[in-house]
Protein backbone atom coordinates (compact mmCIF):
# COMPACT_ATOMS: atom_id res chain seq x y z
CA UNK A 1 122.98 66.63 136.12
CA UNK A 2 120.74 67.44 133.14
CA UNK A 3 118.01 64.98 132.10
CA UNK A 4 117.01 64.07 128.53
CA UNK A 5 113.49 65.47 128.42
CA UNK A 6 112.76 67.87 125.57
CA UNK A 7 111.66 70.36 128.22
CA UNK A 8 115.08 70.27 129.88
CA UNK A 9 116.97 70.46 126.57
CA UNK A 10 114.90 73.48 125.59
CA UNK A 11 115.39 74.94 129.06
CA UNK A 12 119.13 74.99 128.37
CA UNK A 13 118.97 75.90 124.68
CA UNK A 14 116.21 78.52 124.55
CA UNK A 15 118.02 81.19 126.59
CA UNK A 16 121.09 80.60 124.43
CA UNK A 17 119.02 80.97 121.28
CA UNK A 18 117.29 84.10 122.49
CA UNK A 19 120.70 85.42 123.49
CA UNK A 20 122.06 84.64 120.01
CA UNK A 21 118.93 86.20 118.47
CA UNK A 22 119.48 89.37 120.45
CA UNK A 23 123.13 89.45 119.37
CA UNK A 24 121.95 88.99 115.79
CA UNK A 25 119.55 91.88 116.26
CA UNK A 26 122.55 93.96 117.37
CA UNK A 27 124.41 93.08 114.16
CA UNK A 28 121.33 93.69 112.05
CA UNK A 29 120.72 97.03 113.77
CA UNK A 30 124.33 98.09 113.21
CA UNK A 31 124.07 97.11 109.55
CA UNK A 32 120.68 98.79 109.16
CA UNK A 33 121.81 102.08 110.69
CA UNK A 34 125.11 102.22 108.83
CA UNK A 35 123.62 101.27 105.44
CA UNK A 36 121.34 104.29 105.85
CA UNK A 37 124.23 106.46 106.98
CA UNK A 38 126.87 105.68 104.35
CA UNK A 39 127.69 102.72 102.06
CA UNK A 40 131.42 102.96 102.85
CA UNK A 41 130.68 102.82 106.59
CA UNK A 42 128.39 99.81 106.00
CA UNK A 43 131.06 97.90 104.04
CA UNK A 44 133.87 98.86 106.43
CA UNK A 45 131.94 97.82 109.54
CA UNK A 46 131.15 94.50 107.87
CA UNK A 47 134.75 93.63 106.98
CA UNK A 48 136.28 95.11 110.14
CA UNK A 49 133.54 93.47 112.19
CA UNK A 50 134.57 90.11 110.74
CA UNK A 51 138.14 90.71 111.92
CA UNK A 52 136.89 91.45 115.44
CA UNK A 53 134.49 88.48 115.40
CA UNK A 54 137.36 86.23 114.26
CA UNK A 55 139.38 87.16 117.33
CA UNK A 56 136.35 86.97 119.61
CA UNK A 57 135.42 83.54 118.21
CA UNK A 58 138.96 82.31 118.89
CA UNK A 59 138.62 83.39 122.53
CA UNK A 60 135.20 81.74 122.57
CA UNK A 61 136.90 78.51 121.52
CA UNK A 62 139.08 78.75 124.61
CA UNK A 63 136.03 79.34 126.80
CA UNK A 64 134.39 76.29 125.17
CA UNK A 65 137.31 74.29 126.53
CA UNK A 66 136.54 75.60 130.01
CA UNK A 67 132.85 74.77 129.56
CA UNK A 68 133.64 71.18 128.52
CA UNK A 69 136.00 70.66 131.48
CA UNK A 70 133.59 72.10 134.05
CA UNK A 71 130.68 70.05 132.66
CA UNK A 72 132.82 66.90 132.74
CA UNK A 73 133.83 67.46 136.39
CA UNK A 74 130.19 68.02 137.34
CA UNK A 75 129.30 64.75 135.61
CA UNK A 76 132.08 63.06 137.61
CA UNK A 77 130.80 64.63 140.89
CA UNK A 78 134.07 66.52 141.30
CA UNK A 79 132.57 69.90 142.15
CA UNK A 80 135.68 70.92 144.10
CA UNK A 81 137.61 71.08 140.81
CA UNK A 82 135.24 73.64 139.24
CA UNK A 83 136.72 76.66 141.05
CA UNK A 84 140.27 75.83 139.98
CA UNK A 85 139.21 75.36 136.37
CA UNK A 86 137.29 78.65 136.47
CA UNK A 87 140.18 80.57 138.03
CA UNK A 88 142.68 79.13 135.61
CA UNK A 89 140.33 79.96 132.73
CA UNK A 90 140.12 83.64 133.73
CA UNK A 91 143.91 84.02 133.92
CA UNK A 92 144.40 82.13 130.65
CA UNK A 93 141.73 84.10 128.84
CA UNK A 94 143.35 87.37 129.88
CA UNK A 95 146.70 86.17 128.53
CA UNK A 96 145.17 85.26 125.18
CA UNK A 97 143.09 88.45 125.18
CA UNK A 98 146.18 90.65 125.45
CA UNK A 99 147.75 88.86 122.48
CA UNK A 100 144.55 89.23 120.42
CA UNK A 101 144.26 92.93 121.33
CA UNK A 102 147.81 93.59 120.15
CA UNK A 103 147.05 91.72 116.93
CA UNK A 104 144.07 93.97 116.14
CA UNK A 105 145.27 97.29 117.54
CA UNK A 106 148.89 97.29 116.36
CA UNK A 107 149.17 94.79 113.49
CA UNK A 108 145.94 95.26 111.50
CA UNK A 109 146.65 98.97 110.67
CA UNK A 110 149.81 97.73 108.93
CA UNK A 111 148.20 94.77 107.16
CA UNK A 112 144.89 96.26 106.01
CA UNK A 113 146.33 98.77 103.48
CA UNK A 114 148.55 96.01 102.11
CA UNK A 115 145.78 93.62 101.07
CA UNK A 116 142.75 95.89 100.62
CA UNK A 117 142.10 97.02 97.04
CA UNK A 118 140.38 100.23 98.14
CA UNK A 119 142.40 102.54 100.42
CA UNK A 120 139.37 104.46 101.70
CA UNK A 121 137.82 101.17 102.83
CA UNK A 122 141.05 100.12 104.55
CA UNK A 123 141.32 103.40 106.46
CA UNK A 124 137.69 103.19 107.55
CA UNK A 125 138.27 99.68 108.89
CA UNK A 126 141.34 100.85 110.83
CA UNK A 127 139.29 103.66 112.38
CA UNK A 128 136.60 101.17 113.45
CA UNK A 129 139.05 98.62 114.89
CA UNK A 130 141.05 101.23 116.84
CA UNK A 131 137.99 101.56 119.08
CA UNK A 132 136.36 98.13 118.78
CA UNK A 133 139.52 96.27 119.85
CA UNK A 134 139.16 97.47 123.46
CA UNK A 135 136.00 95.35 123.81
CA UNK A 136 138.26 92.29 123.93
CA UNK A 137 139.05 93.02 127.60
CA UNK A 138 135.34 92.99 128.41
CA UNK A 139 135.00 89.84 126.32
CA UNK A 140 137.53 87.73 128.22
CA UNK A 141 135.62 88.24 131.48
CA UNK A 142 132.25 87.71 129.81
CA UNK A 143 133.34 84.48 128.10
CA UNK A 144 134.89 83.05 131.28
CA UNK A 145 131.68 83.60 133.26
CA UNK A 146 129.50 82.38 130.38
CA UNK A 147 131.47 79.13 130.19
CA UNK A 148 130.67 78.44 133.85
CA UNK A 149 126.94 79.12 133.47
CA UNK A 150 126.77 77.11 130.23
CA UNK A 151 128.43 74.14 131.94
CA UNK A 152 125.94 74.06 134.82
CA UNK A 153 122.98 74.65 132.48
CA UNK A 154 122.03 78.06 133.95
CA UNK A 155 121.83 79.74 130.57
CA UNK A 156 119.08 82.27 131.33
CA UNK A 157 121.71 84.43 133.05
CA UNK A 158 123.52 84.83 129.74
CA UNK A 159 120.19 85.74 128.15
CA UNK A 160 119.70 88.69 130.52
CA UNK A 161 123.24 89.85 129.79
CA UNK A 162 122.50 89.70 126.05
CA UNK A 163 119.33 91.76 126.52
CA UNK A 164 121.34 94.43 128.33
CA UNK A 165 123.92 94.46 125.53
CA UNK A 166 121.25 94.63 122.82
CA UNK A 167 119.12 97.41 124.30
CA UNK A 168 122.07 99.60 125.21
CA UNK A 169 123.72 98.99 121.82
CA UNK A 170 120.63 99.92 119.82
CA UNK A 171 120.14 103.12 121.82
CA UNK A 172 123.80 104.15 121.69
CA UNK A 173 124.06 103.17 118.02
CA UNK A 174 121.37 105.65 117.08
CA UNK A 175 122.77 108.40 119.31
CA UNK A 176 126.42 108.01 118.37
CA UNK A 177 126.04 107.27 114.63
CA UNK A 178 123.60 110.06 113.78
CA UNK A 179 124.15 112.34 116.78
CA UNK A 180 121.53 113.95 119.00
CA UNK A 181 121.44 117.28 120.84
CA UNK A 182 124.83 117.58 122.59
CA UNK A 183 126.12 114.22 121.18
CA UNK A 184 128.02 114.82 117.91
CA UNK A 185 127.43 112.73 114.78
CA UNK A 186 130.22 110.12 114.69
CA UNK A 187 129.14 107.67 111.99
CA UNK A 188 131.32 104.56 111.83
CA UNK A 189 133.27 105.48 114.99
CA UNK A 190 129.98 105.94 116.79
CA UNK A 191 128.99 102.36 115.95
CA UNK A 192 132.29 101.08 117.34
CA UNK A 193 131.90 103.11 120.56
CA UNK A 194 128.29 101.95 121.00
CA UNK A 195 129.10 98.24 120.63
CA UNK A 196 132.15 98.45 122.91
CA UNK A 197 130.25 100.25 125.70
CA UNK A 198 127.32 97.84 125.37
CA UNK A 199 129.62 94.83 125.83
CA UNK A 200 131.08 96.50 128.91
CA UNK A 201 127.61 96.79 130.45
CA UNK A 202 126.86 93.13 129.69
CA UNK A 203 130.13 92.07 131.31
CA UNK A 204 129.39 94.16 134.41
CA UNK A 205 126.00 92.45 134.85
CA UNK A 206 127.49 88.95 134.56
CA UNK A 207 130.25 89.76 137.03
CA UNK A 208 127.87 91.18 139.64
CA UNK A 209 125.43 88.29 139.19
CA UNK A 210 128.20 85.73 139.61
CA UNK A 211 129.51 87.38 142.79
CA UNK A 212 126.09 87.20 144.46
CA UNK A 213 124.92 83.85 143.04
CA UNK A 214 124.38 80.71 145.13
CA UNK A 215 126.68 78.75 142.79
CA UNK A 216 129.68 80.64 144.16
CA UNK A 217 129.19 78.86 147.48
CA UNK A 218 127.91 75.59 145.99
CA UNK A 219 131.04 75.06 143.90
CA UNK A 220 133.46 76.95 146.13
CA UNK A 221 134.13 79.11 143.10
CA UNK A 222 136.14 81.84 144.80
CA UNK A 223 137.44 79.63 147.60
CA UNK A 224 139.20 77.47 145.01
CA UNK A 225 139.78 80.38 142.60
CA UNK A 226 143.43 80.23 141.61
CA UNK A 227 145.77 79.63 138.72
CA UNK A 228 146.69 75.94 138.84
CA UNK A 229 149.29 74.57 136.46
CA UNK A 230 147.55 71.18 136.16
CA UNK A 231 144.24 72.85 135.25
CA UNK A 232 146.15 75.13 132.87
CA UNK A 233 147.57 72.12 131.00
CA UNK A 234 144.12 70.49 130.93
CA UNK A 235 142.59 73.69 129.59
CA UNK A 236 145.25 74.10 126.92
CA UNK A 237 144.88 70.47 125.87
CA UNK A 238 141.13 70.85 125.35
CA UNK A 239 140.94 74.57 124.56
CA UNK A 240 143.83 75.24 122.16
CA UNK A 241 142.39 73.10 119.34
CA UNK A 242 139.02 74.84 119.85
CA UNK A 243 140.76 78.23 119.91
CA UNK A 244 142.56 77.44 116.67
CA UNK A 245 139.56 75.95 114.90
CA UNK A 246 137.34 78.93 115.79
CA UNK A 247 140.04 81.36 114.67
CA UNK A 248 140.65 79.40 111.50
CA UNK A 249 136.95 79.16 110.58
CA UNK A 250 136.28 82.89 110.96
CA UNK A 251 139.66 83.92 109.51
CA UNK A 252 138.77 81.93 106.40
CA UNK A 253 135.51 83.83 106.12
CA UNK A 254 137.46 87.08 106.52
CA UNK A 255 139.72 86.03 103.64
CA UNK A 256 136.62 85.15 101.61
CA UNK A 257 135.19 88.65 102.08
CA UNK A 258 138.57 90.22 101.32
CA UNK A 259 138.64 88.41 97.98
CA UNK A 260 135.08 89.57 97.29
CA UNK A 261 136.13 93.16 98.09
CA UNK A 262 138.83 92.76 95.44
CA UNK A 263 136.10 91.74 92.96
CA UNK A 264 134.44 95.13 93.47
CA UNK A 265 132.61 97.26 96.01
CA UNK A 266 129.20 96.33 94.60
CA UNK A 267 129.89 92.62 95.11
CA UNK A 268 131.13 93.36 98.62
CA UNK A 269 127.94 95.21 99.54
CA UNK A 270 125.85 92.29 98.27
CA UNK A 271 127.98 89.85 100.28
CA UNK A 272 127.64 91.98 103.42
CA UNK A 273 123.86 91.87 103.01
CA UNK A 274 124.01 88.06 103.00
CA UNK A 275 126.38 87.99 105.97
CA UNK A 276 124.04 90.12 108.07
CA UNK A 277 121.05 87.82 107.40
CA UNK A 278 123.20 84.71 107.97
CA UNK A 279 123.36 85.49 111.67
CA UNK A 280 119.63 84.78 111.98
CA UNK A 281 120.37 81.20 110.95
CA UNK A 282 123.11 80.90 113.54
CA UNK A 283 120.62 81.67 116.34
CA UNK A 284 119.37 78.07 116.81
CA UNK A 285 122.59 76.49 115.57
CA UNK A 286 124.80 78.23 118.14
CA UNK A 287 122.24 77.74 120.90
CA UNK A 288 122.00 73.99 120.33
CA UNK A 289 125.75 73.72 119.71
CA UNK A 290 126.52 74.93 123.25
CA UNK A 291 123.75 72.67 124.58
CA UNK A 292 125.23 69.66 122.77
CA UNK A 293 128.70 70.22 124.28
CA UNK A 294 127.29 70.42 127.81
CA UNK A 295 125.08 67.33 127.44
CA UNK A 296 127.71 65.17 125.76
CA UNK A 297 130.40 66.09 128.28
CA UNK A 298 128.17 65.51 131.31
CA UNK A 299 126.88 62.13 130.11
CA UNK A 300 130.34 60.93 129.14
CA UNK A 301 131.49 62.02 132.60
CA UNK A 302 129.17 59.47 134.17
CA UNK A 303 129.83 56.85 131.44
CA UNK A 304 126.23 56.88 130.19
CA UNK A 305 127.06 55.99 126.60
CA UNK A 306 123.59 54.63 125.81
CA UNK A 307 122.00 58.07 126.01
CA UNK A 308 124.31 59.76 123.50
CA UNK A 309 122.32 58.91 120.36
CA UNK A 310 119.14 60.08 122.05
CA UNK A 311 120.83 63.39 122.85
CA UNK A 312 121.93 63.79 119.23
CA UNK A 313 118.57 62.90 117.67
CA UNK A 314 116.56 65.16 119.93
CA UNK A 315 118.86 68.13 119.49
CA UNK A 316 118.94 67.64 115.70
CA UNK A 317 115.15 67.55 115.58
CA UNK A 318 114.85 70.71 117.67
CA UNK A 319 117.54 72.48 115.61
CA UNK A 320 115.66 71.95 112.34
CA UNK A 321 112.34 73.04 113.88
CA UNK A 322 113.87 76.27 115.17
CA UNK A 323 115.76 76.88 111.92
CA UNK A 324 112.41 76.87 110.14
CA UNK A 325 111.17 79.46 112.64
CA UNK A 326 114.17 81.77 112.41
CA UNK A 327 115.32 81.32 108.81
CA UNK A 328 112.23 80.47 106.72
CA UNK A 329 112.29 83.98 105.26
CA UNK A 330 115.51 83.17 103.41
CA UNK A 331 113.59 81.09 100.87
CA UNK A 332 110.03 82.44 101.27
CA UNK A 333 110.60 86.22 101.27
CA UNK A 334 114.35 86.97 100.93
CA UNK A 335 113.71 90.34 99.25
CA UNK A 336 111.92 91.55 102.36
CA UNK A 337 114.76 90.43 104.65
CA UNK A 338 117.40 92.11 102.51
CA UNK A 339 115.44 95.37 102.32
CA UNK A 340 115.41 95.55 106.12
CA UNK A 341 119.21 95.45 106.09
CA UNK A 342 119.90 97.57 103.05
CA UNK A 343 117.05 99.37 101.26
CA UNK A 344 119.16 100.26 98.20
CA UNK A 345 117.24 98.87 95.19
CA UNK A 346 120.46 98.18 93.28
CA UNK A 347 121.41 95.39 95.72
CA UNK A 348 118.10 93.78 96.74
CA UNK A 349 117.37 91.41 93.82
CA UNK A 350 120.88 89.95 93.54
CA UNK A 351 121.23 89.61 97.32
CA UNK A 352 117.85 87.87 97.55
CA UNK A 353 118.74 85.39 94.78
CA UNK A 354 121.94 84.42 96.60
CA UNK A 355 120.20 84.17 99.97
CA UNK A 356 117.58 81.81 98.53
CA UNK A 357 120.35 79.74 96.89
CA UNK A 358 122.48 79.29 100.02
CA UNK A 359 119.62 78.72 102.48
CA UNK A 360 119.77 74.96 101.88
CA UNK A 361 123.36 74.83 103.15
CA UNK A 362 122.24 76.24 106.50
CA UNK A 363 119.81 73.35 107.05
CA UNK A 364 122.64 70.93 106.27
CA UNK A 365 124.72 72.75 108.88
CA UNK A 366 121.89 72.47 111.41
CA UNK A 367 121.97 68.67 111.14
CA UNK A 368 125.71 68.13 111.07
CA UNK A 369 126.51 70.73 113.74
CA UNK A 370 125.24 68.32 116.41
CA UNK A 371 127.62 65.63 115.15
CA UNK A 372 130.55 68.04 115.08
CA UNK A 373 129.78 69.36 118.56
CA UNK A 374 129.61 65.78 119.83
CA UNK A 375 133.26 65.44 118.84
CA UNK A 376 134.01 68.66 120.73
CA UNK A 377 131.97 67.69 123.79
CA UNK A 378 133.74 64.34 124.00
CA UNK A 379 137.04 66.16 124.55
CA UNK A 380 138.55 64.97 121.26
CA UNK A 381 139.31 68.54 120.30
CA UNK A 382 142.44 67.72 118.31
CA UNK A 383 140.24 65.61 116.06
CA UNK A 384 137.65 68.39 115.76
CA UNK A 385 140.50 70.75 114.85
CA UNK A 386 141.56 68.33 112.12
CA UNK A 387 137.98 68.16 110.80
CA UNK A 388 137.76 71.96 110.82
CA UNK A 389 141.12 72.27 109.05
CA UNK A 390 140.01 69.88 106.30
CA UNK A 391 136.73 71.77 105.90
CA UNK A 392 138.24 75.26 105.69
CA UNK A 393 140.93 73.98 103.32
CA UNK A 394 138.32 72.71 100.86
CA UNK A 395 136.31 75.91 101.38
CA UNK A 396 139.30 78.17 100.71
CA UNK A 397 140.40 76.13 97.71
CA UNK A 398 136.89 76.28 96.25
CA UNK A 399 136.65 80.03 96.87
CA UNK A 400 140.06 80.64 95.30
CA UNK A 401 139.17 78.68 92.16
CA UNK A 402 135.80 80.39 91.78
CA UNK A 403 137.03 83.95 92.48
CA UNK A 404 140.65 84.07 91.33
CA UNK A 405 140.77 81.43 88.58
CA UNK A 406 137.27 81.25 87.05
CA UNK A 407 136.26 84.84 87.94
CA UNK A 408 132.77 83.49 88.62
CA UNK A 409 129.74 85.63 89.27
CA UNK A 410 129.11 86.48 92.93
CA UNK A 411 126.05 84.17 92.86
CA UNK A 412 128.12 81.04 92.17
CA UNK A 413 130.91 82.12 94.52
CA UNK A 414 128.53 81.48 97.43
CA UNK A 415 128.27 77.78 96.47
CA UNK A 416 131.39 77.28 98.64
CA UNK A 417 129.02 77.24 101.65
CA UNK A 418 127.78 73.82 100.49
CA UNK A 419 131.37 72.61 100.12
CA UNK A 420 132.26 73.64 103.69
CA UNK A 421 129.21 72.26 105.48
CA UNK A 422 129.17 68.96 103.57
CA UNK A 423 132.88 68.39 104.27
CA UNK A 424 132.42 69.19 107.96
CA UNK A 425 129.44 66.84 108.24
CA UNK A 426 130.96 63.94 106.33
CA UNK A 427 134.20 64.00 108.33
CA UNK A 428 132.34 64.25 111.68
CA UNK A 429 129.99 61.36 110.88
CA UNK A 430 132.83 59.11 109.69
CA UNK A 431 134.87 59.79 112.84
CA UNK A 432 131.97 59.10 115.21
CA UNK A 433 131.08 55.91 113.34
CA UNK A 434 134.48 54.28 112.93
CA UNK A 435 136.67 55.53 115.80
CA UNK A 436 136.70 55.02 119.57
CA UNK A 437 135.87 58.50 120.87
CA UNK A 438 133.76 57.81 123.96
CA UNK A 439 136.51 56.97 126.43
CA UNK A 440 138.67 60.07 126.05
CA UNK A 441 139.88 61.26 129.46
CA UNK A 442 140.07 65.00 130.07
């Protein structure tokens, strides 16, 4: 059971943040290499990468359900149930993974030319996804194991896995994109191969570590490892809303970038610059989001309602502090950040202006994310899905009006970030204040 000291909270969150930071470095490295290789490859990897991340985030939502259930059973001192939840999670994740793979590999080559304004961009995205989609099978194993380690608070294991992914990806990115000696220059396809192989190495580490870890015996992880229909229903009840809300949130962002692509390639390149930097801001937010779910679920499991506000306040405080560390460049020296991603002078000034403008929305997100993840951690995932649906609806409506109706400049189009985060925060706060959410049984 995790205590409420700042030291313990940071002990859980810091490895997650460093892991997220390393993953962000991977994205930044990919963007940096490809922007120097070819603008078309840079734009295609950005849009196609969003499609892959949308699917991966949906699967991550399902693994969040597993994390919440495992953490709750640990809080209830029902360690014998952990193995069944874990086993059921692995089987379920594979089922969903197969569906998501088919969606990317078979359906996207049909859909992309239909909605993309530029055929060369569509074909480049198809080429990227034909390789990148195979990483989903590594992802379902990785996410299942991560959910277990997140739930027990052993997050440093995930950090090591992320380091392996990052180092191998950076090395293979350089070799496969530009070529070296006997390795041919592969450009965009090389980036897809590098990222896929790197995720495979990260998955292999997690699997081997789990097999030889003491937690296998402590929780009877493989002794109780099985597909259980009762655990399957529990997982679907908690996980499906998280699956849908993660898919919906990222799919909406994919639509947003598709509409920007229809505005023009120059606007798309500027938007991709912002997207790449955005992932720096998500480092502390994602780290503390996973920490919030684990803490809230464990403390609700032992009916310690009095500690919940303390959990929220402390995690909010730490989130803002670490946002200032990771994201202060967005308003102090945005030009420098953008130039690291894309050195083309034509895009730096406009990209920097937008980055400075939207940086305030990220700090709003840092505060309200803890409230939203409290709803998730409590097991009220249908409610969190409803909050997410309302937020993405207002976001999409705002984006449609600005892009399709008003034909606004790309600078003002990004104001929809404020609409999304403020809607998400307001709905989460109102639910936690006026509804009975603490006694949900999962």
